[in-house]
PDB file of N, CA and C in Angstrom:
ATOM      1  N   MET A   1     107.338  59.889  66.251  1.00  0.00           N
ATOM      2  CA  MET A   1     107.863  58.998  65.236  1.00  0.00           C
ATOM      3  C   MET A   1     107.096  59.158  63.921  1.00  0.00           C
ATOM      4  N   ARG A   2     105.760  59.155  64.027  1.00  0.00           N
ATOM      5  CA  ARG A   2     104.935  59.278  62.835  1.00  0.00           C
ATOM      6  C   ARG A   2     105.181  60.621  62.145  1.00  0.00           C
ATOM      7  N   PHE A   3     105.317  61.706  62.939  1.00  0.00           N
ATOM      8  CA  PHE A   3     105.575  63.027  62.399  1.00  0.00           C
ATOM      9  C   PHE A   3     106.907  63.054  61.665  1.00  0.00           C
ATOM     10  N   GLN A   4     107.917  62.417  62.229  1.00  0.00           N
ATOM     11  CA  GLN A   4     109.237  62.385  61.608  1.00  0.00           C
ATOM     12  C   GLN A   4     109.169  61.649  60.274  1.00  0.00           C
ATOM     13  N   GLN A   5     108.459  60.548  60.225  1.00  0.00           N
ATOM     14  CA  GLN A   5     108.332  59.790  58.987  1.00  0.00           C
ATOM     15  C   GLN A   5     107.598  60.607  57.931  1.00  0.00           C
ATOM     16  N   SER A   6     106.570  61.315  58.339  1.00  0.00           N
ATOM     17  CA  SER A   6     105.826  62.165  57.420  1.00  0.00           C
ATOM     18  C   SER A   6     106.725  63.263  56.853  1.00  0.00           C
ATOM     19  N   ALA A   7     107.528  63.869  57.708  1.00  0.00           N
ATOM     20  CA  ALA A   7     108.459  64.915  57.267  1.00  0.00           C
ATOM     21  C   ALA A   7     109.496  64.342  56.315  1.00  0.00           C
ATOM     22  N   GLU A   8     109.983  63.157  56.590  1.00  0.00           N
ATOM     23  CA  GLU A   8     110.963  62.515  55.709  1.00  0.00           C
ATOM     24  C   GLU A   8     110.339  62.184  54.355  1.00  0.00           C
ATOM     25  N   ASN A   9     109.097  61.721  54.360  1.00  0.00           N
ATOM     26  CA  ASN A   9     108.398  61.426  53.107  1.00  0.00           C
ATOM     27  C   ASN A   9     108.193  62.696  52.295  1.00  0.00           C
ATOM     28  N   GLU A  10     107.821  63.772  52.966  1.00  0.00           N
ATOM     29  CA  GLU A  10     107.614  65.057  52.293  1.00  0.00           C
ATOM     30  C   GLU A  10     108.926  65.558  51.693  1.00  0.00           C
ATOM     31  N   GLU A  11     110.007  65.416  52.430  1.00  0.00           N
ATOM     32  CA  GLU A  11     111.320  65.847  51.934  1.00  0.00           C
ATOM     33  C   GLU A  11     111.728  65.026  50.717  1.00  0.00           C
ATOM     34  N   ALA A  12     111.506  63.739  50.739  1.00  0.00           N
ATOM     35  CA  ALA A  12     111.838  62.878  49.604  1.00  0.00           C
ATOM     36  C   ALA A  12     110.997  63.255  48.383  1.00  0.00           C
ATOM     37  N   GLN A  13     109.710  63.524  48.594  1.00  0.00           N
ATOM     38  CA  GLN A  13     108.836  63.912  47.488  1.00  0.00           C
ATOM     39  C   GLN A  13     109.249  65.257  46.911  1.00  0.00           C
ATOM     40  N   LEU A  14     109.670  66.165  47.764  1.00  0.00           N
ATOM     41  CA  LEU A  14     110.126  67.471  47.318  1.00  0.00           C
ATOM     42  C   LEU A  14     111.338  67.338  46.394  1.00  0.00           C
ATOM     43  N   LYS A  15     112.265  66.457  46.738  1.00  0.00           N
ATOM     44  CA  LYS A  15     113.451  66.228  45.896  1.00  0.00           C
ATOM     45  C   LYS A  15     113.053  65.640  44.536  1.00  0.00           C
ATOM     46  N   ILE A  16     112.101  64.726  44.543  1.00  0.00           N
ATOM     47  CA  ILE A  16     111.610  64.143  43.287  1.00  0.00           C
ATOM     48  C   ILE A  16     110.975  65.232  42.433  1.00  0.00           C
ATOM     49  N   ASP A  17     110.153  66.062  43.062  1.00  0.00           N
ATOM     50  CA  ASP A  17     109.484  67.143  42.339  1.00  0.00           C
ATOM     51  C   ASP A  17     110.486  68.148  41.780  1.00  0.00           C
ATOM     52  N   GLN A  18     111.506  68.469  42.549  1.00  0.00           N
ATOM     53  CA  GLN A  18     112.519  69.418  42.077  1.00  0.00           C
ATOM     54  C   GLN A  18     113.230  68.875  40.839  1.00  0.00           C
ATOM     55  N   ALA A  19     113.519  67.597  40.826  1.00  0.00           N
ATOM     56  CA  ALA A  19     114.190  66.991  39.676  1.00  0.00           C
ATOM     57  C   ALA A  19     113.279  67.016  38.445  1.00  0.00           C
ATOM     58  N   GLY A  20     112.028  66.670  38.601  1.00  0.00           N
ATOM     59  CA  GLY A  20     111.090  66.693  37.479  1.00  0.00           C
ATOM     60  C   GLY A  20     110.783  68.094  36.997  1.00  0.00           C
ATOM     61  N   PHE A  21     110.825  69.057  37.902  1.00  0.00           N
ATOM     62  CA  PHE A  21     110.532  70.440  37.569  1.00  0.00           C
ATOM     63  C   PHE A  21     111.545  70.999  36.577  1.00  0.00           C
ATOM     64  N   VAL A  22     112.775  70.546  36.653  1.00  0.00           N
ATOM     65  CA  VAL A  22     113.814  71.014  35.727  1.00  0.00           C
ATOM     66  C   VAL A  22     113.395  70.719  34.286  1.00  0.00           C
ATOM     67  N   GLU A  23     112.961  69.515  34.018  1.00  0.00           N
ATOM     68  CA  GLU A  23     112.517  69.141  32.670  1.00  0.00           C
ATOM     69  C   GLU A  23     111.259  69.923  32.281  1.00  0.00           C
ATOM     70  N   PHE A  24     110.343  70.070  33.210  1.00  0.00           N
ATOM     71  CA  PHE A  24     109.113  70.821  32.968  1.00  0.00           C
ATOM     72  C   PHE A  24     109.437  72.255  32.550  1.00  0.00           C
ATOM     73  N   LYS A  25     110.336  72.903  33.279  1.00  0.00           N
ATOM     74  CA  LYS A  25     110.743  74.277  32.952  1.00  0.00           C
ATOM     75  C   LYS A  25     111.396  74.353  31.580  1.00  0.00           C
ATOM     76  N   GLN A  26     112.204  73.373  31.242  1.00  0.00           N
ATOM     77  CA  GLN A  26     112.854  73.361  29.935  1.00  0.00           C
ATOM     78  C   GLN A  26     111.811  73.294  28.824  1.00  0.00           C
ATOM     79  N   ASP A  27     110.783  72.489  29.031  1.00  0.00           N
ATOM     80  CA  ASP A  27     109.716  72.397  28.039  1.00  0.00           C
ATOM     81  C   ASP A  27     108.967  73.720  27.896  1.00  0.00           C
ATOM     82  N   LEU A  28     108.831  74.449  28.990  1.00  0.00           N
ATOM     83  CA  LEU A  28     108.100  75.709  28.956  1.00  0.00           C
ATOM     84  C   LEU A  28     108.882  76.851  28.316  1.00  0.00           C
ATOM     85  N   THR A  29     110.189  76.751  28.236  1.00  0.00           N
ATOM     86  CA  THR A  29     110.986  77.848  27.687  1.00  0.00           C
ATOM     87  C   THR A  29     110.617  78.148  26.241  1.00  0.00           C
ATOM     88  N   ALA A  30     110.158  77.167  25.507  1.00  0.00           N
ATOM     89  CA  ALA A  30     109.764  77.390  24.109  1.00  0.00           C
ATOM     90  C   ALA A  30     108.541  78.298  24.006  1.00  0.00           C
ATOM     91  N   LEU A  31     107.796  78.444  25.087  1.00  0.00           N
ATOM     92  CA  LEU A  31     106.589  79.276  25.063  1.00  0.00           C
ATOM     93  C   LEU A  31     106.880  80.749  25.306  1.00  0.00           C
ATOM     94  N   LYS A  32     108.142  81.068  25.504  1.00  0.00           N
ATOM     95  CA  LYS A  32     108.566  82.445  25.762  1.00  0.00           C
ATOM     96  C   LYS A  32     107.865  83.043  26.990  1.00  0.00           C
ATOM     97  N   ILE A  33     107.767  82.234  28.010  1.00  0.00           N
ATOM     98  CA  ILE A  33     107.239  82.703  29.294  1.00  0.00           C
ATOM     99  C   ILE A  33     108.349  83.495  29.970  1.00  0.00           C
ATOM    100  N   PRO A  34     108.027  84.646  30.523  1.00  0.00           N
ATOM    101  CA  PRO A  34     109.078  85.465  31.155  1.00  0.00           C
ATOM    102  C   PRO A  34     109.890  84.674  32.187  1.00  0.00           C
ATOM    103  N   GLU A  35     111.166  84.984  32.229  1.00  0.00           N
ATOM    104  CA  GLU A  35     112.095  84.307  33.149  1.00  0.00           C
ATOM    105  C   GLU A  35     111.624  84.405  34.599  1.00  0.00           C
ATOM    106  N   LYS A  36     111.092  85.552  34.955  1.00  0.00           N
ATOM    107  CA  LYS A  36     110.598  85.751  36.324  1.00  0.00           C
ATOM    108  C   LYS A  36     109.502  84.731  36.651  1.00  0.00           C
ATOM    109  N   THR A  37     108.634  84.462  35.703  1.00  0.00           N
ATOM    110  CA  THR A  37     107.558  83.482  35.903  1.00  0.00           C
ATOM    111  C   THR A  37     108.119  82.072  35.944  1.00  0.00           C
ATOM    112  N   LEU A  38     109.061  81.766  35.055  1.00  0.00           N
ATOM    113  CA  LEU A  38     109.660  80.424  35.026  1.00  0.00           C
ATOM    114  C   LEU A  38     110.378  80.091  36.322  1.00  0.00           C
ATOM    115  N   ASN A  39     110.934  81.087  36.967  1.00  0.00           N
ATOM    116  CA  ASN A  39     111.689  80.864  38.195  1.00  0.00           C
ATOM    117  C   ASN A  39     110.870  81.153  39.448  1.00  0.00           C
ATOM    118  N   SER A  40     109.576  81.293  39.286  1.00  0.00           N
ATOM    119  CA  SER A  40     108.741  81.652  40.433  1.00  0.00           C
ATOM    120  C   SER A  40     108.380  80.440  41.281  1.00  0.00           C
ATOM    121  N   ARG A  41     108.143  80.721  42.523  1.00  0.00           N
ATOM    122  CA  ARG A  41     107.664  79.681  43.451  1.00  0.00           C
ATOM    123  C   ARG A  41     106.267  79.222  43.024  1.00  0.00           C
ATOM    124  N   THR A  42     105.490  80.152  42.471  1.00  0.00           N
ATOM    125  CA  THR A  42     104.136  79.813  42.015  1.00  0.00           C
ATOM    126  C   THR A  42     104.186  78.713  40.972  1.00  0.00           C
ATOM    127  N   LEU A  43     105.074  78.834  39.994  1.00  0.00           N
ATOM    128  CA  LEU A  43     105.157  77.817  38.956  1.00  0.00           C
ATOM    129  C   LEU A  43     105.569  76.467  39.542  1.00  0.00           C
ATOM    130  N   PHE A  44     106.502  76.471  40.463  1.00  0.00           N
ATOM    131  CA  PHE A  44     106.909  75.224  41.105  1.00  0.00           C
ATOM    132  C   PHE A  44     105.745  74.602  41.875  1.00  0.00           C
ATOM    133  N   GLU A  45     104.972  75.415  42.547  1.00  0.00           N
ATOM    134  CA  GLU A  45     103.827  74.908  43.292  1.00  0.00           C
ATOM    135  C   GLU A  45     102.736  74.406  42.335  1.00  0.00           C
ATOM    136  N   VAL A  46     102.548  75.077  41.197  1.00  0.00           N
ATOM    137  CA  VAL A  46     101.612  74.587  40.176  1.00  0.00           C
ATOM    138  C   VAL A  46     102.063  73.206  39.706  1.00  0.00           C
ATOM    139  N   TYR A  47     103.354  73.062  39.482  1.00  0.00           N
ATOM    140  CA  TYR A  47     103.908  71.763  39.078  1.00  0.00           C
ATOM    141  C   TYR A  47     103.614  70.704  40.147  1.00  0.00           C
ATOM    142  N   ARG A  48     103.849  71.041  41.401  1.00  0.00           N
ATOM    143  CA  ARG A  48     103.607  70.080  42.491  1.00  0.00           C
ATOM    144  C   ARG A  48     102.123  69.719  42.589  1.00  0.00           C
ATOM    145  N   CYS A  49     101.257  70.678  42.334  1.00  0.00           N
ATOM    146  CA  CYS A  49      99.815  70.381  42.319  1.00  0.00           C
ATOM    147  C   CYS A  49      99.505  69.410  41.184  1.00  0.00           C
ATOM    148  N   GLY A  50     100.069  69.660  40.012  1.00  0.00           N
ATOM    149  CA  GLY A  50      99.831  68.791  38.860  1.00  0.00           C
ATOM    150  C   GLY A  50     100.360  67.384  39.069  1.00  0.00           C
ATOM    151  N   MET A  51     101.423  67.263  39.818  1.00  0.00           N
ATOM    152  CA  MET A  51     102.008  65.956  40.093  1.00  0.00           C
ATOM    153  C   MET A  51     101.278  65.230  41.219  1.00  0.00           C
ATOM    154  N   GLY A  52     100.408  65.928  41.889  1.00  0.00           N
ATOM    155  CA  GLY A  52      99.665  65.319  42.992  1.00  0.00           C
ATOM    156  C   GLY A  52     100.392  65.382  44.322  1.00  0.00           C
ATOM    157  N   SER A  53     101.517  66.081  44.372  1.00  0.00           N
ATOM    158  CA  SER A  53     102.270  66.203  45.622  1.00  0.00           C
ATOM    159  C   SER A  53     101.565  67.138  46.596  1.00  0.00           C
ATOM    160  N   ILE A  54     100.859  68.111  46.054  1.00  0.00           N
ATOM    161  CA  ILE A  54     100.040  69.003  46.862  1.00  0.00           C
ATOM    162  C   ILE A  54      98.601  68.663  46.513  1.00  0.00           C
ATOM    163  N   THR A  55      97.810  68.367  47.500  1.00  0.00           N
ATOM    164  CA  THR A  55      96.446  67.898  47.234  1.00  0.00           C
ATOM    165  C   THR A  55      95.371  68.861  47.717  1.00  0.00           C
ATOM    166  N   GLU A  56      95.753  69.985  48.251  1.00  0.00           N
ATOM    167  CA  GLU A  56      94.780  70.976  48.725  1.00  0.00           C
ATOM    168  C   GLU A  56      94.154  71.670  47.509  1.00  0.00           C
ATOM    169  N   ARG A  57      92.910  71.320  47.203  1.00  0.00           N
ATOM    170  CA  ARG A  57      92.240  71.799  45.992  1.00  0.00           C
ATOM    171  C   ARG A  57      92.158  73.317  45.885  1.00  0.00           C
ATOM    172  N   ASN A  58      91.738  73.976  46.938  1.00  0.00           N
ATOM    173  CA  ASN A  58      91.586  75.433  46.869  1.00  0.00           C
ATOM    174  C   ASN A  58      92.920  76.120  46.620  1.00  0.00           C
ATOM    175  N   TYR A  59      93.952  75.631  47.272  1.00  0.00           N
ATOM    176  CA  TYR A  59      95.290  76.193  47.086  1.00  0.00           C
ATOM    177  C   TYR A  59      95.747  76.001  45.646  1.00  0.00           C
ATOM    178  N   CYS A  60      95.568  74.795  45.127  1.00  0.00           N
ATOM    179  CA  CYS A  60      95.991  74.512  43.756  1.00  0.00           C
ATOM    180  C   CYS A  60      95.179  75.319  42.748  1.00  0.00           C
ATOM    181  N   ALA A  61      93.889  75.472  42.990  1.00  0.00           N
ATOM    182  CA  ALA A  61      93.046  76.263  42.096  1.00  0.00           C
ATOM    183  C   ALA A  61      93.500  77.716  42.083  1.00  0.00           C
ATOM    184  N   HIS A  62      93.818  78.244  43.256  1.00  0.00           N
ATOM    185  CA  HIS A  62      94.301  79.627  43.345  1.00  0.00           C
ATOM    186  C   HIS A  62      95.617  79.792  42.577  1.00  0.00           C
ATOM    187  N   LEU A  63      96.530  78.864  42.761  1.00  0.00           N
ATOM    188  CA  LEU A  63      97.815  78.928  42.053  1.00  0.00           C
ATOM    189  C   LEU A  63      97.611  78.834  40.547  1.00  0.00           C
ATOM    190  N   GLY A  64      96.740  77.921  40.139  1.00  0.00           N
ATOM    191  CA  GLY A  64      96.458  77.765  38.714  1.00  0.00           C
ATOM    192  C   GLY A  64      95.890  79.039  38.114  1.00  0.00           C
ATOM    193  N   ASP A  65      94.955  79.658  38.827  1.00  0.00           N
ATOM    194  CA  ASP A  65      94.380  80.923  38.353  1.00  0.00           C
ATOM    195  C   ASP A  65      95.455  81.988  38.217  1.00  0.00           C
ATOM    196  N   GLU A  66      96.320  82.061  39.205  1.00  0.00           N
ATOM    197  CA  GLU A  66      97.395  83.059  39.188  1.00  0.00           C
ATOM    198  C   GLU A  66      98.351  82.820  38.015  1.00  0.00           C
ATOM    199  N   PHE A  67      98.769  81.580  37.837  1.00  0.00           N
ATOM    200  CA  PHE A  67      99.719  81.270  36.772  1.00  0.00           C
ATOM    201  C   PHE A  67      99.086  81.426  35.386  1.00  0.00           C
ATOM    202  N   PHE A  68      97.955  80.788  35.172  1.00  0.00           N
ATOM    203  CA  PHE A  68      97.343  80.821  33.846  1.00  0.00           C
ATOM    204  C   PHE A  68      96.818  82.207  33.493  1.00  0.00           C
ATOM    205  N   GLY A  69      96.493  82.995  34.508  1.00  0.00           N
ATOM    206  CA  GLY A  69      96.074  84.371  34.258  1.00  0.00           C
ATOM    207  C   GLY A  69      97.199  85.234  33.715  1.00  0.00           C
ATOM    208  N   SER A  70      98.427  84.809  33.925  1.00  0.00           N
ATOM    209  CA  SER A  70      99.577  85.583  33.437  1.00  0.00           C
ATOM    210  C   SER A  70      99.974  85.202  32.009  1.00  0.00           C
ATOM    211  N   LEU A  71      99.336  84.175  31.450  1.00  0.00           N
ATOM    212  CA  LEU A  71      99.679  83.709  30.106  1.00  0.00           C
ATOM    213  C   LEU A  71      98.796  84.359  29.042  1.00  0.00           C
ATOM    214  N   THR A  72      99.342  84.474  27.861  1.00  0.00           N
ATOM    215  CA  THR A  72      98.548  84.930  26.724  1.00  0.00           C
ATOM    216  C   THR A  72      97.679  83.773  26.241  1.00  0.00           C
ATOM    217  N   ASP A  73      96.696  84.067  25.426  1.00  0.00           N
ATOM    218  CA  ASP A  73      95.843  83.007  24.884  1.00  0.00           C
ATOM    219  C   ASP A  73      96.669  82.006  24.085  1.00  0.00           C
ATOM    220  N   GLU A  74      97.643  82.503  23.346  1.00  0.00           N
ATOM    221  CA  GLU A  74      98.522  81.629  22.559  1.00  0.00           C
ATOM    222  C   GLU A  74      99.329  80.700  23.464  1.00  0.00           C
ATOM    223  N   GLN A  75      99.849  81.234  24.561  1.00  0.00           N
ATOM    224  CA  GLN A  75     100.618  80.419  25.507  1.00  0.00           C
ATOM    225  C   GLN A  75      99.726  79.388  26.185  1.00  0.00           C
ATOM    226  N   LYS A  76      98.506  79.763  26.513  1.00  0.00           N
ATOM    227  CA  LYS A  76      97.573  78.826  27.142  1.00  0.00           C
ATOM    228  C   LYS A  76      97.289  77.646  26.221  1.00  0.00           C
ATOM    229  N   LYS A  77      97.153  77.920  24.947  1.00  0.00           N
ATOM    230  CA  LYS A  77      96.905  76.854  23.977  1.00  0.00           C
ATOM    231  C   LYS A  77      98.145  75.970  23.817  1.00  0.00           C
ATOM    232  N   ALA A  78      99.300  76.596  23.763  1.00  0.00           N
ATOM    233  CA  ALA A  78     100.550  75.873  23.533  1.00  0.00           C
ATOM    234  C   ALA A  78     100.995  75.054  24.753  1.00  0.00           C
ATOM    235  N   ILE A  79     100.543  75.440  25.930  1.00  0.00           N
ATOM    236  CA  ILE A  79     100.999  74.750  27.142  1.00  0.00           C
ATOM    237  C   ILE A  79     100.272  73.422  27.358  1.00  0.00           C
ATOM    238  N   ARG A  80      99.116  73.255  26.757  1.00  0.00           N
ATOM    239  CA  ARG A  80      98.315  72.044  26.982  1.00  0.00           C
ATOM    240  C   ARG A  80      99.107  70.752  26.745  1.00  0.00           C
ATOM    241  N   PRO A  81      99.807  70.571  25.620  1.00  0.00           N
ATOM    242  CA  PRO A  81     100.558  69.315  25.434  1.00  0.00           C
ATOM    243  C   PRO A  81     101.671  69.116  26.466  1.00  0.00           C
ATOM    244  N   ILE A  82     102.253  70.207  26.934  1.00  0.00           N
ATOM    245  CA  ILE A  82     103.304  70.108  27.949  1.00  0.00           C
ATOM    246  C   ILE A  82     102.707  69.619  29.263  1.00  0.00           C
ATOM    247  N   LEU A  83     101.566  70.171  29.634  1.00  0.00           N
ATOM    248  CA  LEU A  83     100.902  69.732  30.860  1.00  0.00           C
ATOM    249  C   LEU A  83     100.497  68.268  30.759  1.00  0.00           C
ATOM    250  N   GLU A  84      99.979  67.881  29.617  1.00  0.00           N
ATOM    251  CA  GLU A  84      99.584  66.476  29.427  1.00  0.00           C
ATOM    252  C   GLU A  84     100.793  65.556  29.515  1.00  0.00           C
ATOM    253  N   LYS A  85     101.886  65.973  28.936  1.00  0.00           N
ATOM    254  CA  LYS A  85     103.119  65.172  28.973  1.00  0.00           C
ATOM    255  C   LYS A  85     103.577  64.920  30.412  1.00  0.00           C
ATOM    256  N   HIS A  86     103.543  65.947  31.224  1.00  0.00           N
ATOM    257  CA  HIS A  86     104.077  65.822  32.586  1.00  0.00           C
ATOM    258  C   HIS A  86     103.060  65.307  33.588  1.00  0.00           C
ATOM    259  N   PHE A  87     101.802  65.682  33.448  1.00  0.00           N
ATOM    260  CA  PHE A  87     100.828  65.382  34.485  1.00  0.00           C
ATOM    261  C   PHE A  87      99.984  64.152  34.207  1.00  0.00           C
ATOM    262  N   ASN A  88      99.888  63.696  32.994  1.00  0.00           N
ATOM    263  CA  ASN A  88      99.076  62.512  32.711  1.00  0.00           C
ATOM    264  C   ASN A  88      99.795  61.223  33.073  1.00  0.00           C
ATOM    265  N   LYS A  89     101.036  61.303  33.448  1.00  0.00           N
ATOM    266  CA  LYS A  89     101.783  60.135  33.915  1.00  0.00           C
ATOM    267  C   LYS A  89     101.254  59.681  35.278  1.00  0.00           C
ATOM    268  N   HIS A  90     100.636  60.617  35.985  1.00  0.00           N
ATOM    269  CA  HIS A  90     100.278  60.377  37.388  1.00  0.00           C
ATOM    270  C   HIS A  90      98.803  60.273  37.514  1.00  0.00           C
TER     271      HIS A  90
END
């Protein structure tokens, strides 16, 4: 019973994250991030880490390194307000 409830909670959180991710991706399009990166599972998982849906620190750190390592210095600077907009709510 407890496992089923946990799975249902995870599924509900995933749907919430997917809905918020759409807006997050739209905000990122102005940074001219390649389409492949915008549609990657890595970016979605980075978003979930930022929202607190994924709490495994090492996993989130690895994803962050992978994602931010693919950005130019200009993109890294420009992304800060977008991250603050989406992640400081939580």
